[in-house]
Amino acid sequence: MTQFSKTENQLTAGFDLGDNYSYLYVIDTATGEMIEETRLPTNPEKFERYFADREAMHVAVETGKHSPWVSRVLAGCGHKVLVANARKLSFIYRNERNSSCRSYVSCSSREKRSTTFPRTSPVSTVLA
């Protein structure tokens, strides 16, 4: 399991989970630069194979039918996972203080500095 270090540049990822395929977007939180866009088959074996040897990152996942197993697989691979309730996200990105928060990746990155992000799953980990 990969450990987080406060001195390393952290990666933040967001998922668009679909029934057949999921789209992963990864940014470098230090620069805000998008460093990866990937399409993965939506199944536990493919996710585990893809994430097992990757650098530890913060990952935001929207609630849905795949979010429970996705969050368990990613946490098992050493990543910090936030499961966000999509119905509550509009409250965050429409809030004047967080007006630039337009994606899960941005919201996940902002969560490291805020404690107001909604948690909706017992397997969620609030990003610290």
C-alpha atoms as a PDB file:
ATOM      1  CA  MET A   1       0.000   0.000   0.000  1.00  0.00           C
ATOM      2  CA  THR A   2       1.334   3.401  -0.983  1.00  0.00           C
ATOM      3  CA  GLN A   3       1.647   6.006   1.761  1.00  0.00           C
ATOM      4  CA  PHE A   4       0.948   9.721   1.402  1.00  0.00           C
ATOM      5  CA  SER A   5       3.708  12.200   2.086  1.00  0.00           C
ATOM      6  CA  LYS A   6       3.057  15.875   2.737  1.00  0.00           C
ATOM      7  CA  THR A   7       6.195  16.816   0.771  1.00  0.00           C
ATOM      8  CA  GLU A   8       5.207  14.999  -2.443  1.00  0.00           C
ATOM      9  CA  ASN A   9       3.058  16.525  -5.160  1.00  0.00           C
ATOM     10  CA  GLN A  10      -0.344  14.974  -4.746  1.00  0.00           C
ATOM     11  CA  LEU A  11      -2.474  13.734  -7.594  1.00  0.00           C
ATOM     12  CA  THR A  12      -6.225  14.200  -7.584  1.00  0.00           C
ATOM     13  CA  ALA A  13      -8.546  12.151  -9.751  1.00  0.00           C
ATOM     14  CA  GLY A  14     -12.204  12.201 -10.613  1.00  0.00           C
ATOM     15  CA  PHE A  15     -14.348   9.508 -12.190  1.00  0.00           C
ATOM     16  CA  ASP A  16     -17.294   9.557 -14.512  1.00  0.00           C
ATOM     17  CA  LEU A  17     -18.592   6.054 -13.741  1.00  0.00           C
ATOM     18  CA  GLY A  18     -20.610   4.308 -16.422  1.00  0.00           C
ATOM     19  CA  ASP A  19     -22.126   0.850 -16.638  1.00  0.00           C
ATOM     20  CA  ASN A  20     -19.714  -0.385 -19.311  1.00  0.00           C
ATOM     21  CA  TYR A  21     -16.855   2.116 -19.238  1.00  0.00           C
ATOM     22  CA  SER A  22     -15.655   4.741 -16.789  1.00  0.00           C
ATOM     23  CA  TYR A  23     -13.617   7.836 -17.550  1.00  0.00           C
ATOM     24  CA  LEU A  24     -10.772   8.843 -15.249  1.00  0.00           C
ATOM     25  CA  TYR A  25      -9.364  12.376 -15.120  1.00  0.00           C
ATOM     26  CA  VAL A  26      -6.157  13.022 -13.149  1.00  0.00           C
ATOM     27  CA  ILE A  27      -4.685  16.406 -12.276  1.00  0.00           C
ATOM     28  CA  ASP A  28      -1.513  17.450 -10.497  1.00  0.00           C
ATOM     29  CA  THR A  29      -2.831  19.448  -7.542  1.00  0.00           C
ATOM     30  CA  ALA A  30       0.356  21.502  -7.339  1.00  0.00           C
ATOM     31  CA  THR A  31      -0.004  22.883 -10.866  1.00  0.00           C
ATOM     32  CA  GLY A  32      -3.663  22.226 -11.677  1.00  0.00           C
ATOM     33  CA  GLU A  33      -2.531  20.594 -14.912  1.00  0.00           C
ATOM     34  CA  MET A  34      -4.557  17.696 -16.335  1.00  0.00           C
ATOM     35  CA  ILE A  35      -2.025  14.888 -16.635  1.00  0.00           C
ATOM     36  CA  GLU A  36      -4.208  11.987 -17.697  1.00  0.00           C
ATOM     37  CA  GLU A  37      -7.535  11.094 -19.274  1.00  0.00           C
ATOM     38  CA  THR A  38      -8.289   7.377 -19.455  1.00  0.00           C
ATOM     39  CA  ARG A  39     -11.219   5.113 -20.276  1.00  0.00           C
ATOM     40  CA  LEU A  40     -11.449   1.926 -18.196  1.00  0.00           C
ATOM     41  CA  PRO A  41     -13.877  -0.993 -18.314  1.00  0.00           C
ATOM     42  CA  THR A  42     -16.150  -0.684 -15.280  1.00  0.00           C
ATOM     43  CA  ASN A  43     -15.307  -3.851 -13.374  1.00  0.00           C
ATOM     44  CA  PRO A  44     -13.417  -4.537 -10.128  1.00  0.00           C
ATOM     45  CA  GLU A  45     -10.614  -6.599 -11.682  1.00  0.00           C
ATOM     46  CA  LYS A  46      -9.703  -3.917 -14.251  1.00  0.00           C
ATOM     47  CA  PHE A  47      -9.819  -1.150 -11.641  1.00  0.00           C
ATOM     48  CA  GLU A  48      -7.617  -3.089  -9.240  1.00  0.00           C
ATOM     49  CA  ARG A  49      -5.113  -3.953 -11.962  1.00  0.00           C
ATOM     50  CA  TYR A  50      -4.958  -0.316 -13.074  1.00  0.00           C
ATOM     51  CA  PHE A  51      -4.667   1.265  -9.603  1.00  0.00           C
ATOM     52  CA  ALA A  52      -2.627  -1.295  -7.643  1.00  0.00           C
ATOM     53  CA  ASP A  53       0.793   0.056  -8.628  1.00  0.00           C
ATOM     54  CA  ARG A  54      -0.066   3.709  -9.090  1.00  0.00           C
ATOM     55  CA  GLU A  55       1.140   6.559  -6.909  1.00  0.00           C
ATOM     56  CA  ALA A  56      -1.305   7.243  -4.069  1.00  0.00           C
ATOM     57  CA  MET A  57      -3.844   9.876  -5.042  1.00  0.00           C
ATOM     58  CA  HIS A  58      -7.064  11.459  -3.882  1.00  0.00           C
ATOM     59  CA  VAL A  59     -10.015  10.137  -5.870  1.00  0.00           C
ATOM     60  CA  ALA A  60     -13.519  11.622  -6.020  1.00  0.00           C
ATOM     61  CA  VAL A  61     -16.377   9.342  -7.046  1.00  0.00           C
ATOM     62  CA  GLU A  62     -20.020  10.280  -7.474  1.00  0.00           C
ATOM     63  CA  THR A  63     -22.606   8.190  -5.612  1.00  0.00           C
ATOM     64  CA  GLY A  64     -24.268   5.517  -7.675  1.00  0.00           C
ATOM     65  CA  LYS A  65     -24.584   1.788  -8.111  1.00  0.00           C
ATOM     66  CA  HIS A  66     -20.845   1.318  -8.745  1.00  0.00           C
ATOM     67  CA  SER A  67     -19.530   3.676  -6.048  1.00  0.00           C
ATOM     68  CA  PRO A  68     -19.486   1.131  -3.159  1.00  0.00           C
ATOM     69  CA  TRP A  69     -17.229  -1.393  -4.887  1.00  0.00           C
ATOM     70  CA  VAL A  70     -15.178   1.308  -6.641  1.00  0.00           C
ATOM     71  CA  SER A  71     -14.406   3.033  -3.335  1.00  0.00           C
ATOM     72  CA  ARG A  72     -13.448  -0.288  -1.686  1.00  0.00           C
ATOM     73  CA  VAL A  73     -11.153  -1.303  -4.557  1.00  0.00           C
ATOM     74  CA  LEU A  74      -9.431   2.095  -4.703  1.00  0.00           C
ATOM     75  CA  ALA A  75      -8.999   2.293  -0.911  1.00  0.00           C
ATOM     76  CA  GLY A  76      -7.586  -1.237  -0.968  1.00  0.00           C
ATOM     77  CA  CYS A  77      -4.989  -0.049  -3.481  1.00  0.00           C
ATOM     78  CA  GLY A  78      -3.887   2.739  -1.111  1.00  0.00           C
ATOM     79  CA  HIS A  79      -5.796   5.697  -2.524  1.00  0.00           C
ATOM     80  CA  LYS A  80      -7.881   8.174  -0.512  1.00  0.00           C
ATOM     81  CA  VAL A  81     -11.453   8.035  -1.741  1.00  0.00           C
ATOM     82  CA  LEU A  82     -14.254  10.559  -1.418  1.00  0.00           C
ATOM     83  CA  VAL A  83     -17.754   9.461  -2.423  1.00  0.00           C
ATOM     84  CA  ALA A  84     -19.746  12.604  -3.164  1.00  0.00           C
ATOM     85  CA  ASN A  85     -23.507  12.930  -3.389  1.00  0.00           C
ATOM     86  CA  ALA A  86     -24.166  14.504  -6.793  1.00  0.00           C
ATOM     87  CA  ARG A  87     -27.365  16.117  -5.538  1.00  0.00           C
ATOM     88  CA  LYS A  88     -25.383  18.091  -2.974  1.00  0.00           C
ATOM     89  CA  LEU A  89     -22.573  19.143  -5.308  1.00  0.00           C
ATOM     90  CA  SER A  90     -24.587  21.972  -6.857  1.00  0.00           C
ATOM     91  CA  PHE A  91     -24.703  23.535  -3.402  1.00  0.00           C
ATOM     92  CA  ILE A  92     -20.905  23.547  -3.382  1.00  0.00           C
ATOM     93  CA  TYR A  93     -20.151  24.761  -6.911  1.00  0.00           C
ATOM     94  CA  ARG A  94     -22.889  27.415  -6.813  1.00  0.00           C
ATOM     95  CA  ASN A  95     -21.627  28.709  -3.478  1.00  0.00           C
ATOM     96  CA  GLU A  96     -19.797  32.024  -3.977  1.00  0.00           C
ATOM     97  CA  ARG A  97     -16.812  30.825  -1.926  1.00  0.00           C
ATOM     98  CA  ASN A  98     -16.413  27.778  -4.181  1.00  0.00           C
ATOM     99  CA  SER A  99     -17.586  29.232  -7.506  1.00  0.00           C
ATOM    100  CA  SER A 100     -14.682  27.740  -9.478  1.00  0.00           C
ATOM    101  CA  CYS A 101     -15.472  24.208  -8.313  1.00  0.00           C
ATOM    102  CA  ARG A 102     -16.954  22.853 -11.555  1.00  0.00           C
ATOM    103  CA  SER A 103     -15.880  19.200 -11.467  1.00  0.00           C
ATOM    104  CA  TYR A 104     -15.329  16.370  -9.045  1.00  0.00           C
ATOM    105  CA  VAL A 105     -11.611  16.746  -9.542  1.00  0.00           C
ATOM    106  CA  SER A 106     -11.774  20.391  -8.472  1.00  0.00           C
ATOM    107  CA  CYS A 107     -14.096  19.597  -5.579  1.00  0.00           C
ATOM    108  CA  SER A 108     -11.824  16.804  -4.427  1.00  0.00           C
ATOM    109  CA  SER A 109      -8.828  19.106  -4.556  1.00  0.00           C
ATOM    110  CA  ARG A 110     -10.715  21.770  -2.560  1.00  0.00           C
ATOM    111  CA  GLU A 111     -11.819  19.198   0.029  1.00  0.00           C
ATOM    112  CA  LYS A 112      -8.281  19.059   1.342  1.00  0.00           C
ATOM    113  CA  ARG A 113      -8.783  22.633   2.552  1.00  0.00           C
ATOM    114  CA  SER A 114     -12.417  22.397   3.687  1.00  0.00           C
ATOM    115  CA  THR A 115     -14.552  20.299   5.997  1.00  0.00           C
ATOM    116  CA  THR A 116     -17.924  21.164   4.467  1.00  0.00           C
ATOM    117  CA  PHE A 117     -17.918  18.631   1.600  1.00  0.00           C
ATOM    118  CA  PRO A 118     -20.788  16.139   1.877  1.00  0.00           C
ATOM    119  CA  ARG A 119     -19.947  12.544   2.780  1.00  0.00           C
ATOM    120  CA  THR A 120     -22.504   9.983   1.746  1.00  0.00           C
ATOM    121  CA  SER A 121     -20.961   6.556   2.139  1.00  0.00           C
ATOM    122  CA  PRO A 122     -19.515   4.730   5.136  1.00  0.00           C
ATOM    123  CA  VAL A 123     -16.544   3.713   2.994  1.00  0.00           C
ATOM    124  CA  SER A 124     -15.787   7.343   2.156  1.00  0.00           C
ATOM    125  CA  THR A 125     -12.664   8.938   3.469  1.00  0.00           C
ATOM    126  CA  VAL A 126     -12.674  12.700   3.912  1.00  0.00           C
ATOM    127  CA  LEU A 127      -9.578  14.034   2.235  1.00  0.00           C
ATOM    128  CA  ALA A 128      -7.241  15.591   4.726  1.00  0.00           C
END
